[in-house]
Amino acid sequence: MISTHVLDTSEGRPAAGVPVELARRTADGSWLVLGSSATNTDGRCPDLPPLGVDSAAGPVDVQLVFDIAAYRRARGETPFFPEVRVVFTADPGTRYHVPLLLNPYGYSVYRGS
């Protein structure tokens, strides 16, 4: 299971309304989009879909794409980073929480709990 949340560190609060897409890499190297969501008022995406592979398949590459342009434009701002792509390797049977800390000219991600 993959979960995420976005905090706007320049505002000191959750970033609501950030579109997020979840995908996994296929055997041919392309990305299979599993689903999308948007952050709620708490900055979380509670409804991202499962990876859709059996845990016996072994680790898979996963991608979260955050549409920062949509978030910034909704606030009347011009985005410097139009999107943030976070690619990581996940075990299908393990839970991963990957938060994004965002400000207008920088961002960071980490594996949370």
PDB file of N, CA and C in Angstrom:
ATOM      1  N   MET A   1       0.840  -1.185   0.000  1.00  0.00           N
ATOM      2  CA  MET A   1       0.000   0.000   0.000  1.00  0.00           C
ATOM      3  C   MET A   1       0.879   1.240   0.000  1.00  0.00           C
ATOM      4  N   ILE A   2       0.502   2.212  -0.821  1.00  0.00           N
ATOM      5  CA  ILE A   2       1.235   3.475  -0.924  1.00  0.00           C
ATOM      6  C   ILE A   2       0.326   4.598  -0.424  1.00  0.00           C
ATOM      7  N   SER A   3       0.875   5.430   0.432  1.00  0.00           N
ATOM      8  CA  SER A   3       0.154   6.624   0.865  1.00  0.00           C
ATOM      9  C   SER A   3       1.105   7.816   0.806  1.00  0.00           C
ATOM     10  N   THR A   4       0.527   9.010   0.784  1.00  0.00           N
ATOM     11  CA  THR A   4       1.335  10.223   0.726  1.00  0.00           C
ATOM     12  C   THR A   4       0.574  11.372   1.353  1.00  0.00           C
ATOM     13  N   HIS A   5       1.286  12.403   1.671  1.00  0.00           N
ATOM     14  CA  HIS A   5       0.671  13.676   2.018  1.00  0.00           C
ATOM     15  C   HIS A   5       1.623  14.789   1.585  1.00  0.00           C
ATOM     16  N   VAL A   6       1.069  15.987   1.425  1.00  0.00           N
ATOM     17  CA  VAL A   6       1.855  17.135   0.968  1.00  0.00           C
ATOM     18  C   VAL A   6       1.707  18.252   1.985  1.00  0.00           C
ATOM     19  N   LEU A   7       2.844  18.768   2.428  1.00  0.00           N
ATOM     20  CA  LEU A   7       2.863  19.919   3.329  1.00  0.00           C
ATOM     21  C   LEU A   7       3.507  21.088   2.607  1.00  0.00           C
ATOM     22  N   ASP A   8       2.852  22.225   2.625  1.00  0.00           N
ATOM     23  CA  ASP A   8       3.402  23.448   2.052  1.00  0.00           C
ATOM     24  C   ASP A   8       4.182  24.132   3.172  1.00  0.00           C
ATOM     25  N   THR A   9       5.501  23.949   3.157  1.00  0.00           N
ATOM     26  CA  THR A   9       6.319  24.467   4.256  1.00  0.00           C
ATOM     27  C   THR A   9       6.408  25.990   4.246  1.00  0.00           C
ATOM     28  N   SER A  10       6.125  26.628   3.101  1.00  0.00           N
ATOM     29  CA  SER A  10       6.137  28.092   3.075  1.00  0.00           C
ATOM     30  C   SER A  10       4.914  28.654   3.782  1.00  0.00           C
ATOM     31  N   GLU A  11       3.858  27.867   3.851  1.00  0.00           N
ATOM     32  CA  GLU A  11       2.628  28.278   4.534  1.00  0.00           C
ATOM     33  C   GLU A  11       2.518  27.677   5.931  1.00  0.00           C
ATOM     34  N   GLY A  12       3.282  26.625   6.169  1.00  0.00           N
ATOM     35  CA  GLY A  12       3.207  25.948   7.464  1.00  0.00           C
ATOM     36  C   GLY A  12       1.927  25.162   7.650  1.00  0.00           C
ATOM     37  N   ARG A  13       1.383  24.625   6.533  1.00  0.00           N
ATOM     38  CA  ARG A  13       0.136  23.860   6.627  1.00  0.00           C
ATOM     39  C   ARG A  13       0.035  22.856   5.477  1.00  0.00           C
ATOM     40  N   PRO A  14      -0.936  21.946   5.572  1.00  0.00           N
ATOM     41  CA  PRO A  14      -1.127  20.965   4.497  1.00  0.00           C
ATOM     42  C   PRO A  14      -1.490  21.657   3.184  1.00  0.00           C
ATOM     43  N   ALA A  15      -1.067  21.045   2.094  1.00  0.00           N
ATOM     44  CA  ALA A  15      -1.373  21.546   0.760  1.00  0.00           C
ATOM     45  C   ALA A  15      -2.584  20.784   0.224  1.00  0.00           C
ATOM     46  N   ALA A  16      -3.728  21.426   0.245  1.00  0.00           N
ATOM     47  CA  ALA A  16      -4.966  20.800  -0.232  1.00  0.00           C
ATOM     48  C   ALA A  16      -5.113  21.004  -1.730  1.00  0.00           C
ATOM     49  N   GLY A  17      -5.680  20.010  -2.404  1.00  0.00           N
ATOM     50  CA  GLY A  17      -5.991  20.128  -3.825  1.00  0.00           C
ATOM     51  C   GLY A  17      -4.851  19.825  -4.773  1.00  0.00           C
ATOM     52  N   VAL A  18      -3.810  19.142  -4.305  1.00  0.00           N
ATOM     53  CA  VAL A  18      -2.705  18.765  -5.193  1.00  0.00           C
ATOM     54  C   VAL A  18      -3.064  17.455  -5.893  1.00  0.00           C
ATOM     55  N   PRO A  19      -3.204  17.452  -7.225  1.00  0.00           N
ATOM     56  CA  PRO A  19      -3.457  16.200  -7.937  1.00  0.00           C
ATOM     57  C   PRO A  19      -2.233  15.281  -7.842  1.00  0.00           C
ATOM     58  N   VAL A  20      -2.493  13.996  -7.592  1.00  0.00           N
ATOM     59  CA  VAL A  20      -1.424  13.007  -7.442  1.00  0.00           C
ATOM     60  C   VAL A  20      -1.775  11.786  -8.286  1.00  0.00           C
ATOM     61  N   GLU A  21      -0.780  11.286  -9.019  1.00  0.00           N
ATOM     62  CA  GLU A  21      -0.957  10.088  -9.841  1.00  0.00           C
ATOM     63  C   GLU A  21      -0.008   9.008  -9.336  1.00  0.00           C
ATOM     64  N   LEU A  22      -0.494   7.773  -9.265  1.00  0.00           N
ATOM     65  CA  LEU A  22       0.311   6.626  -8.850  1.00  0.00           C
ATOM     66  C   LEU A  22       0.480   5.690 -10.036  1.00  0.00           C
ATOM     67  N   ALA A  23       1.729   5.272 -10.294  1.00  0.00           N
ATOM     68  CA  ALA A  23       2.010   4.352 -11.400  1.00  0.00           C
ATOM     69  C   ALA A  23       3.083   3.361 -10.961  1.00  0.00           C
ATOM     70  N   ARG A  24       3.165   2.236 -11.678  1.00  0.00           N
ATOM     71  CA  ARG A  24       4.264   1.291 -11.462  1.00  0.00           C
ATOM     72  C   ARG A  24       4.881   0.944 -12.795  1.00  0.00           C
ATOM     73  N   ARG A  25       6.178   0.629 -12.741  1.00  0.00           N
ATOM     74  CA  ARG A  25       6.912   0.298 -13.961  1.00  0.00           C
ATOM     75  C   ARG A  25       6.565  -1.123 -14.391  1.00  0.00           C
ATOM     76  N   THR A  26       6.337  -1.292 -15.685  1.00  0.00           N
ATOM     77  CA  THR A  26       6.023  -2.608 -16.230  1.00  0.00           C
ATOM     78  C   THR A  26       7.314  -3.292 -16.693  1.00  0.00           C
ATOM     79  N   ALA A  27       7.188  -4.537 -17.113  1.00  0.00           N
ATOM     80  CA  ALA A  27       8.345  -5.317 -17.558  1.00  0.00           C
ATOM     81  C   ALA A  27       9.052  -4.668 -18.744  1.00  0.00           C
ATOM     82  N   ASP A  28       8.318  -3.946 -19.593  1.00  0.00           N
ATOM     83  CA  ASP A  28       8.948  -3.308 -20.757  1.00  0.00           C
ATOM     84  C   ASP A  28       9.500  -1.913 -20.446  1.00  0.00           C
ATOM     85  N   GLY A  29       9.418  -1.502 -19.176  1.00  0.00           N
ATOM     86  CA  GLY A  29       9.982  -0.220 -18.757  1.00  0.00           C
ATOM     87  C   GLY A  29       9.041   0.963 -18.829  1.00  0.00           C
ATOM     88  N   SER A  30       7.843   0.762 -19.329  1.00  0.00           N
ATOM     89  CA  SER A  30       6.869   1.851 -19.377  1.00  0.00           C
ATOM     90  C   SER A  30       6.159   1.974 -18.029  1.00  0.00           C
ATOM     91  N   TRP A  31       5.413   3.049 -17.858  1.00  0.00           N
ATOM     92  CA  TRP A  31       4.678   3.280 -16.613  1.00  0.00           C
ATOM     93  C   TRP A  31       3.206   2.962 -16.810  1.00  0.00           C
ATOM     94  N   LEU A  32       2.664   2.147 -15.919  1.00  0.00           N
ATOM     95  CA  LEU A  32       1.247   1.806 -15.905  1.00  0.00           C
ATOM     96  C   LEU A  32       0.583   2.652 -14.822  1.00  0.00           C
ATOM     97  N   VAL A  33      -0.285   3.572 -15.232  1.00  0.00           N
ATOM     98  CA  VAL A  33      -0.978   4.419 -14.257  1.00  0.00           C
ATOM     99  C   VAL A  33      -2.026   3.568 -13.545  1.00  0.00           C
ATOM    100  N   LEU A  34      -1.931   3.528 -12.229  1.00  0.00           N
ATOM    101  CA  LEU A  34      -2.849   2.738 -11.413  1.00  0.00           C
ATOM    102  C   LEU A  34      -4.047   3.546 -10.953  1.00  0.00           C
ATOM    103  N   GLY A  35      -3.870   4.840 -10.832  1.00  0.00           N
ATOM    104  CA  GLY A  35      -4.961   5.694 -10.395  1.00  0.00           C
ATOM    105  C   GLY A  35      -4.457   7.071 -10.030  1.00  0.00           C
ATOM    106  N   SER A  36      -5.404   7.927  -9.706  1.00  0.00           N
ATOM    107  CA  SER A  36      -5.051   9.282  -9.308  1.00  0.00           C
ATOM    108  C   SER A  36      -5.988   9.742  -8.204  1.00  0.00           C
ATOM    109  N   SER A  37      -5.578  10.800  -7.556  1.00  0.00           N
ATOM    110  CA  SER A  37      -6.329  11.355  -6.443  1.00  0.00           C
ATOM    111  C   SER A  37      -5.935  12.821  -6.332  1.00  0.00           C
ATOM    112  N   ALA A  38      -6.399  13.463  -5.304  1.00  0.00           N
ATOM    113  CA  ALA A  38      -5.973  14.824  -4.974  1.00  0.00           C
ATOM    114  C   ALA A  38      -5.926  14.922  -3.456  1.00  0.00           C
ATOM    115  N   THR A  39      -5.016  15.725  -2.962  1.00  0.00           N
ATOM    116  CA  THR A  39      -4.894  15.864  -1.520  1.00  0.00           C
ATOM    117  C   THR A  39      -6.139  16.528  -0.933  1.00  0.00           C
ATOM    118  N   ASN A  40      -6.533  16.049   0.232  1.00  0.00           N
ATOM    119  CA  ASN A  40      -7.692  16.609   0.922  1.00  0.00           C
ATOM    120  C   ASN A  40      -7.262  17.806   1.774  1.00  0.00           C
ATOM    121  N   THR A  41      -8.143  18.320   2.603  1.00  0.00           N
ATOM    122  CA  THR A  41      -7.819  19.500   3.424  1.00  0.00           C
ATOM    123  C   THR A  41      -6.706  19.238   4.426  1.00  0.00           C
ATOM    124  N   ASP A  42      -6.439  17.959   4.710  1.00  0.00           N
ATOM    125  CA  ASP A  42      -5.338  17.583   5.594  1.00  0.00           C
ATOM    126  C   ASP A  42      -4.062  17.301   4.800  1.00  0.00           C
ATOM    127  N   GLY A  43      -4.101  17.531   3.477  1.00  0.00           N
ATOM    128  CA  GLY A  43      -2.933  17.307   2.634  1.00  0.00           C
ATOM    129  C   GLY A  43      -2.683  15.852   2.282  1.00  0.00           C
ATOM    130  N   ARG A  44      -3.646  14.984   2.560  1.00  0.00           N
ATOM    131  CA  ARG A  44      -3.461  13.537   2.354  1.00  0.00           C
ATOM    132  C   ARG A  44      -4.273  13.026   1.171  1.00  0.00           C
ATOM    133  N   CYS A  45      -3.792  11.934   0.594  1.00  0.00           N
ATOM    134  CA  CYS A  45      -4.509  11.207  -0.465  1.00  0.00           C
ATOM    135  C   CYS A  45      -4.944   9.864   0.122  1.00  0.00           C
ATOM    136  N   PRO A  46      -6.137   9.801   0.671  1.00  0.00           N
ATOM    137  CA  PRO A  46      -6.560   8.575   1.351  1.00  0.00           C
ATOM    138  C   PRO A  46      -7.018   7.455   0.423  1.00  0.00           C
ATOM    139  N   ASP A  47      -7.116   7.728  -0.872  1.00  0.00           N
ATOM    140  CA  ASP A  47      -7.724   6.737  -1.765  1.00  0.00           C
ATOM    141  C   ASP A  47      -6.847   6.297  -2.932  1.00  0.00           C
ATOM    142  N   LEU A  48      -5.524   6.267  -2.757  1.00  0.00           N
ATOM    143  CA  LEU A  48      -4.667   5.744  -3.813  1.00  0.00           C
ATOM    144  C   LEU A  48      -4.880   4.239  -3.930  1.00  0.00           C
ATOM    145  N   PRO A  49      -4.872   3.697  -5.142  1.00  0.00           N
ATOM    146  CA  PRO A  49      -5.154   2.266  -5.325  1.00  0.00           C
ATOM    147  C   PRO A  49      -3.964   1.391  -4.928  1.00  0.00           C
ATOM    148  N   PRO A  50      -4.193   0.088  -4.776  1.00  0.00           N
ATOM    149  CA  PRO A  50      -3.090  -0.836  -4.509  1.00  0.00           C
ATOM    150  C   PRO A  50      -2.208  -0.987  -5.754  1.00  0.00           C
ATOM    151  N   LEU A  51      -1.030  -1.573  -5.567  1.00  0.00           N
ATOM    152  CA  LEU A  51      -0.079  -1.730  -6.669  1.00  0.00           C
ATOM    153  C   LEU A  51      -0.540  -2.737  -7.719  1.00  0.00           C
ATOM    154  N   GLY A  52      -1.416  -3.646  -7.345  1.00  0.00           N
ATOM    155  CA  GLY A  52      -1.959  -4.583  -8.317  1.00  0.00           C
ATOM    156  C   GLY A  52      -1.031  -5.708  -8.713  1.00  0.00           C
ATOM    157  N   VAL A  53      -0.050  -5.996  -7.865  1.00  0.00           N
ATOM    158  CA  VAL A  53       0.832  -7.146  -8.108  1.00  0.00           C
ATOM    159  C   VAL A  53       0.927  -7.958  -6.826  1.00  0.00           C
ATOM    160  N   ASP A  54       1.166  -9.242  -6.972  1.00  0.00           N
ATOM    161  CA  ASP A  54       1.307 -10.151  -5.844  1.00  0.00           C
ATOM    162  C   ASP A  54       2.642  -9.908  -5.154  1.00  0.00           C
ATOM    163  N   SER A  55       2.681 -10.034  -3.841  1.00  0.00           N
ATOM    164  CA  SER A  55       3.919  -9.798  -3.096  1.00  0.00           C
ATOM    165  C   SER A  55       5.018 -10.786  -3.487  1.00  0.00           C
ATOM    166  N   ALA A  56       4.647 -11.945  -4.046  1.00  0.00           N
ATOM    167  CA  ALA A  56       5.641 -12.919  -4.485  1.00  0.00           C
ATOM    168  C   ALA A  56       6.387 -12.437  -5.727  1.00  0.00           C
ATOM    169  N   ALA A  57       5.846 -11.428  -6.403  1.00  0.00           N
ATOM    170  CA  ALA A  57       6.477 -10.908  -7.626  1.00  0.00           C
ATOM    171  C   ALA A  57       7.788 -10.191  -7.332  1.00  0.00           C
ATOM    172  N   GLY A  58       8.006  -9.808  -6.088  1.00  0.00           N
ATOM    173  CA  GLY A  58       9.227  -9.090  -5.731  1.00  0.00           C
ATOM    174  C   GLY A  58       9.058  -7.596  -5.867  1.00  0.00           C
ATOM    175  N   PRO A  59      10.142  -6.856  -5.613  1.00  0.00           N
ATOM    176  CA  PRO A  59      10.080  -5.391  -5.638  1.00  0.00           C
ATOM    177  C   PRO A  59       9.698  -4.840  -7.006  1.00  0.00           C
ATOM    178  N   VAL A  60       8.991  -3.726  -6.979  1.00  0.00           N
ATOM    179  CA  VAL A  60       8.594  -3.026  -8.203  1.00  0.00           C
ATOM    180  C   VAL A  60       8.940  -1.542  -8.064  1.00  0.00           C
ATOM    181  N   ASP A  61       9.200  -0.912  -9.195  1.00  0.00           N
ATOM    182  CA  ASP A  61       9.424   0.528  -9.185  1.00  0.00           C
ATOM    183  C   ASP A  61       8.071   1.225  -9.225  1.00  0.00           C
ATOM    184  N   VAL A  62       7.937   2.222  -8.372  1.00  0.00           N
ATOM    185  CA  VAL A  62       6.686   2.955  -8.205  1.00  0.00           C
ATOM    186  C   VAL A  62       6.970   4.432  -8.452  1.00  0.00           C
ATOM    187  N   GLN A  63       5.981   5.123  -9.001  1.00  0.00           N
ATOM    188  CA  GLN A  63       6.131   6.554  -9.269  1.00  0.00           C
ATOM    189  C   GLN A  63       4.911   7.308  -8.743  1.00  0.00           C
ATOM    190  N   LEU A  64       5.174   8.355  -7.993  1.00  0.00           N
ATOM    191  CA  LEU A  64       4.145   9.310  -7.598  1.00  0.00           C
ATOM    192  C   LEU A  64       4.423  10.595  -8.374  1.00  0.00           C
ATOM    193  N   VAL A  65       3.407  11.125  -9.049  1.00  0.00           N
ATOM    194  CA  VAL A  65       3.552  12.381  -9.785  1.00  0.00           C
ATOM    195  C   VAL A  65       2.612  13.400  -9.139  1.00  0.00           C
ATOM    196  N   PHE A  66       3.189  14.464  -8.628  1.00  0.00           N
ATOM    197  CA  PHE A  66       2.444  15.530  -7.972  1.00  0.00           C
ATOM    198  C   PHE A  66       2.323  16.702  -8.949  1.00  0.00           C
ATOM    199  N   ASP A  67       1.104  17.123  -9.252  1.00  0.00           N
ATOM    200  CA  ASP A  67       0.856  18.229 -10.173  1.00  0.00           C
ATOM    201  C   ASP A  67       0.926  19.541  -9.399  1.00  0.00           C
ATOM    202  N   ILE A  68       2.122  20.053  -9.274  1.00  0.00           N
ATOM    203  CA  ILE A  68       2.353  21.267  -8.494  1.00  0.00           C
ATOM    204  C   ILE A  68       1.814  22.497  -9.225  1.00  0.00           C
ATOM    205  N   ALA A  69       1.851  22.464 -10.561  1.00  0.00           N
ATOM    206  CA  ALA A  69       1.344  23.601 -11.339  1.00  0.00           C
ATOM    207  C   ALA A  69      -0.121  23.873 -11.015  1.00  0.00           C
ATOM    208  N   ALA A  70      -0.926  22.819 -10.942  1.00  0.00           N
ATOM    209  CA  ALA A  70      -2.355  22.998 -10.633  1.00  0.00           C
ATOM    210  C   ALA A  70      -2.531  23.625  -9.253  1.00  0.00           C
ATOM    211  N   TYR A  71      -1.746  23.164  -8.287  1.00  0.00           N
ATOM    212  CA  TYR A  71      -1.826  23.698  -6.923  1.00  0.00           C
ATOM    213  C   TYR A  71      -1.431  25.180  -6.891  1.00  0.00           C
ATOM    214  N   ARG A  72      -0.304  25.516  -7.513  1.00  0.00           N
ATOM    215  CA  ARG A  72       0.180  26.904  -7.483  1.00  0.00           C
ATOM    216  C   ARG A  72      -0.759  27.840  -8.252  1.00  0.00           C
ATOM    217  N   ARG A  73      -1.234  27.398  -9.407  1.00  0.00           N
ATOM    218  CA  ARG A  73      -2.122  28.256 -10.200  1.00  0.00           C
ATOM    219  C   ARG A  73      -3.440  28.518  -9.484  1.00  0.00           C
ATOM    220  N   ALA A  74      -3.935  27.517  -8.756  1.00  0.00           N
ATOM    221  CA  ALA A  74      -5.174  27.705  -7.989  1.00  0.00           C
ATOM    222  C   ALA A  74      -4.997  28.758  -6.902  1.00  0.00           C
ATOM    223  N   ARG A  75      -3.757  28.990  -6.507  1.00  0.00           N
ATOM    224  CA  ARG A  75      -3.455  29.994  -5.496  1.00  0.00           C
ATOM    225  C   ARG A  75      -3.037  31.330  -6.117  1.00  0.00           C
ATOM    226  N   GLY A  76      -3.131  31.430  -7.450  1.00  0.00           N
ATOM    227  CA  GLY A  76      -2.756  32.661  -8.128  1.00  0.00           C
ATOM    228  C   GLY A  76      -1.258  32.838  -8.266  1.00  0.00           C
ATOM    229  N   GLU A  77      -0.512  31.765  -8.174  1.00  0.00           N
ATOM    230  CA  GLU A  77       0.951  31.817  -8.233  1.00  0.00           C
ATOM    231  C   GLU A  77       1.443  31.190  -9.541  1.00  0.00           C
ATOM    232  N   THR A  78       2.630  31.576  -9.959  1.00  0.00           N
ATOM    233  CA  THR A  78       3.275  30.958 -11.106  1.00  0.00           C
ATOM    234  C   THR A  78       4.188  29.859 -10.581  1.00  0.00           C
ATOM    235  N   PRO A  79       4.009  28.621 -11.038  1.00  0.00           N
ATOM    236  CA  PRO A  79       4.833  27.528 -10.508  1.00  0.00           C
ATOM    237  C   PRO A  79       6.245  27.533 -11.089  1.00  0.00           C
ATOM    238  N   PHE A  80       7.231  27.333 -10.236  1.00  0.00           N
ATOM    239  CA  PHE A  80       8.608  27.136 -10.685  1.00  0.00           C
ATOM    240  C   PHE A  80       8.804  25.662 -11.042  1.00  0.00           C
ATOM    241  N   PHE A  81       8.325  24.773 -10.178  1.00  0.00           N
ATOM    242  CA  PHE A  81       8.319  23.338 -10.447  1.00  0.00           C
ATOM    243  C   PHE A  81       6.902  22.956 -10.871  1.00  0.00           C
ATOM    244  N   PRO A  82       6.657  22.643 -12.141  1.00  0.00           N
ATOM    245  CA  PRO A  82       5.301  22.288 -12.554  1.00  0.00           C
ATOM    246  C   PRO A  82       4.851  20.938 -12.018  1.00  0.00           C
ATOM    247  N   GLU A  83       5.804  20.038 -11.810  1.00  0.00           N
ATOM    248  CA  GLU A  83       5.457  18.742 -11.237  1.00  0.00           C
ATOM    249  C   GLU A  83       6.643  18.193 -10.475  1.00  0.00           C
ATOM    250  N   VAL A  84       6.337  17.277  -9.580  1.00  0.00           N
ATOM    251  CA  VAL A  84       7.368  16.543  -8.852  1.00  0.00           C
ATOM    252  C   VAL A  84       7.105  15.064  -9.094  1.00  0.00           C
ATOM    253  N   ARG A  85       8.129  14.373  -9.600  1.00  0.00           N
ATOM    254  CA  ARG A  85       8.054  12.922  -9.812  1.00  0.00           C
ATOM    255  C   ARG A  85       8.945  12.256  -8.781  1.00  0.00           C
ATOM    256  N   VAL A  86       8.364  11.340  -8.040  1.00  0.00           N
ATOM    257  CA  VAL A  86       9.115  10.599  -7.034  1.00  0.00           C
ATOM    258  C   VAL A  86       9.076   9.136  -7.440  1.00  0.00           C
ATOM    259  N   VAL A  87      10.238   8.575  -7.721  1.00  0.00           N
ATOM    260  CA  VAL A  87      10.347   7.178  -8.121  1.00  0.00           C
ATOM    261  C   VAL A  87      11.090   6.428  -7.023  1.00  0.00           C
ATOM    262  N   PHE A  88      10.521   5.298  -6.610  1.00  0.00           N
ATOM    263  CA  PHE A  88      11.143   4.492  -5.560  1.00  0.00           C
ATOM    264  C   PHE A  88      10.812   3.024  -5.792  1.00  0.00           C
ATOM    265  N   THR A  89      11.536   2.154  -5.110  1.00  0.00           N
ATOM    266  CA  THR A  89      11.323   0.715  -5.223  1.00  0.00           C
ATOM    267  C   THR A  89      10.553   0.240  -4.003  1.00  0.00           C
ATOM    268  N   ALA A  90       9.501  -0.544  -4.257  1.00  0.00           N
ATOM    269  CA  ALA A  90       8.625  -0.982  -3.173  1.00  0.00           C
ATOM    270  C   ALA A  90       8.394  -2.487  -3.242  1.00  0.00           C
ATOM    271  N   ASP A  91       8.267  -3.083  -2.084  1.00  0.00           N
ATOM    272  CA  ASP A  91       7.839  -4.471  -1.953  1.00  0.00           C
ATOM    273  C   ASP A  91       6.318  -4.462  -1.941  1.00  0.00           C
ATOM    274  N   PRO A  92       5.650  -5.167  -2.840  1.00  0.00           N
ATOM    275  CA  PRO A  92       4.187  -5.095  -2.912  1.00  0.00           C
ATOM    276  C   PRO A  92       3.463  -5.429  -1.606  1.00  0.00           C
ATOM    277  N   GLY A  93       4.047  -6.222  -0.733  1.00  0.00           N
ATOM    278  CA  GLY A  93       3.391  -6.584   0.511  1.00  0.00           C
ATOM    279  C   GLY A  93       3.661  -5.634   1.668  1.00  0.00           C
ATOM    280  N   THR A  94       4.371  -4.553   1.414  1.00  0.00           N
ATOM    281  CA  THR A  94       4.779  -3.622   2.473  1.00  0.00           C
ATOM    282  C   THR A  94       4.081  -2.285   2.297  1.00  0.00           C
ATOM    283  N   ARG A  95       3.762  -1.642   3.418  1.00  0.00           N
ATOM    284  CA  ARG A  95       3.138  -0.320   3.392  1.00  0.00           C
ATOM    285  C   ARG A  95       4.231   0.744   3.304  1.00  0.00           C
ATOM    286  N   TYR A  96       4.016   1.732   2.423  1.00  0.00           N
ATOM    287  CA  TYR A  96       4.954   2.841   2.259  1.00  0.00           C
ATOM    288  C   TYR A  96       4.200   4.156   2.350  1.00  0.00           C
ATOM    289  N   HIS A  97       4.757   5.074   3.133  1.00  0.00           N
ATOM    290  CA  HIS A  97       4.216   6.424   3.214  1.00  0.00           C
ATOM    291  C   HIS A  97       5.317   7.355   2.727  1.00  0.00           C
ATOM    292  N   VAL A  98       5.047   8.111   1.662  1.00  0.00           N
ATOM    293  CA  VAL A  98       6.056   8.949   1.021  1.00  0.00           C
ATOM    294  C   VAL A  98       5.547  10.392   0.980  1.00  0.00           C
ATOM    295  N   PRO A  99       5.858  11.190   2.003  1.00  0.00           N
ATOM    296  CA  PRO A  99       5.409  12.576   2.053  1.00  0.00           C
ATOM    297  C   PRO A  99       6.252  13.503   1.164  1.00  0.00           C
ATOM    298  N   LEU A 100       5.618  14.582   0.731  1.00  0.00           N
ATOM    299  CA  LEU A 100       6.284  15.634  -0.029  1.00  0.00           C
ATOM    300  C   LEU A 100       6.209  16.920   0.781  1.00  0.00           C
ATOM    301  N   LEU A 101       7.363  17.512   1.033  1.00  0.00           N
ATOM    302  CA  LEU A 101       7.443  18.829   1.673  1.00  0.00           C
ATOM    303  C   LEU A 101       7.737  19.830   0.563  1.00  0.00           C
ATOM    304  N   LEU A 102       6.882  20.819   0.437  1.00  0.00           N
ATOM    305  CA  LEU A 102       6.887  21.681  -0.731  1.00  0.00           C
ATOM    306  C   LEU A 102       7.019  23.144  -0.339  1.00  0.00           C
ATOM    307  N   ASN A 103       7.809  23.879  -1.103  1.00  0.00           N
ATOM    308  CA  ASN A 103       7.805  25.336  -1.020  1.00  0.00           C
ATOM    309  C   ASN A 103       7.957  25.859  -2.452  1.00  0.00           C
ATOM    310  N   PRO A 104       7.807  27.150  -2.701  1.00  0.00           N
ATOM    311  CA  PRO A 104       7.791  27.627  -4.083  1.00  0.00           C
ATOM    312  C   PRO A 104       9.038  27.288  -4.909  1.00  0.00           C
ATOM    313  N   TYR A 105      10.209  27.185  -4.273  1.00  0.00           N
ATOM    314  CA  TYR A 105      11.438  26.970  -5.033  1.00  0.00           C
ATOM    315  C   TYR A 105      12.227  25.749  -4.575  1.00  0.00           C
ATOM    316  N   GLY A 106      11.550  24.829  -3.920  1.00  0.00           N
ATOM    317  CA  GLY A 106      12.227  23.614  -3.494  1.00  0.00           C
ATOM    318  C   GLY A 106      11.237  22.596  -2.958  1.00  0.00           C
ATOM    319  N   TYR A 107      11.710  21.386  -2.810  1.00  0.00           N
ATOM    320  CA  TYR A 107      10.891  20.313  -2.235  1.00  0.00           C
ATOM    321  C   TYR A 107      11.805  19.219  -1.715  1.00  0.00           C
ATOM    322  N   SER A 108      11.266  18.393  -0.851  1.00  0.00           N
ATOM    323  CA  SER A 108      11.983  17.206  -0.394  1.00  0.00           C
ATOM    324  C   SER A 108      10.966  16.103  -0.141  1.00  0.00           C
ATOM    325  N   VAL A 109      11.434  14.882  -0.229  1.00  0.00           N
ATOM    326  CA  VAL A 109      10.606  13.711   0.031  1.00  0.00           C
ATOM    327  C   VAL A 109      11.378  12.780   0.948  1.00  0.00           C
ATOM    328  N   TYR A 110      10.639  11.894   1.604  1.00  0.00           N
ATOM    329  CA  TYR A 110      11.272  10.912   2.462  1.00  0.00           C
ATOM    330  C   TYR A 110      10.324   9.754   2.658  1.00  0.00           C
ATOM    331  N   ARG A 111      10.859   8.645   3.158  1.00  0.00           N
ATOM    332  CA  ARG A 111       9.990   7.530   3.515  1.00  0.00           C
ATOM    333  C   ARG A 111       9.538   7.751   4.942  1.00  0.00           C
ATOM    334  N   GLY A 112       8.263   7.950   5.101  1.00  0.00           N
ATOM    335  CA  GLY A 112       7.693   8.182   6.423  1.00  0.00           C
ATOM    336  C   GLY A 112       7.176   6.889   7.021  1.00  0.00           C
ATOM    337  N   SER A 113       6.371   7.046   8.046  1.00  0.00           N
ATOM    338  CA  SER A 113       5.825   5.860   8.703  1.00  0.00           C
ATOM    339  C   SER A 113       4.313   5.918   8.700  1.00  0.00           C
TER     340      SER A 113
END
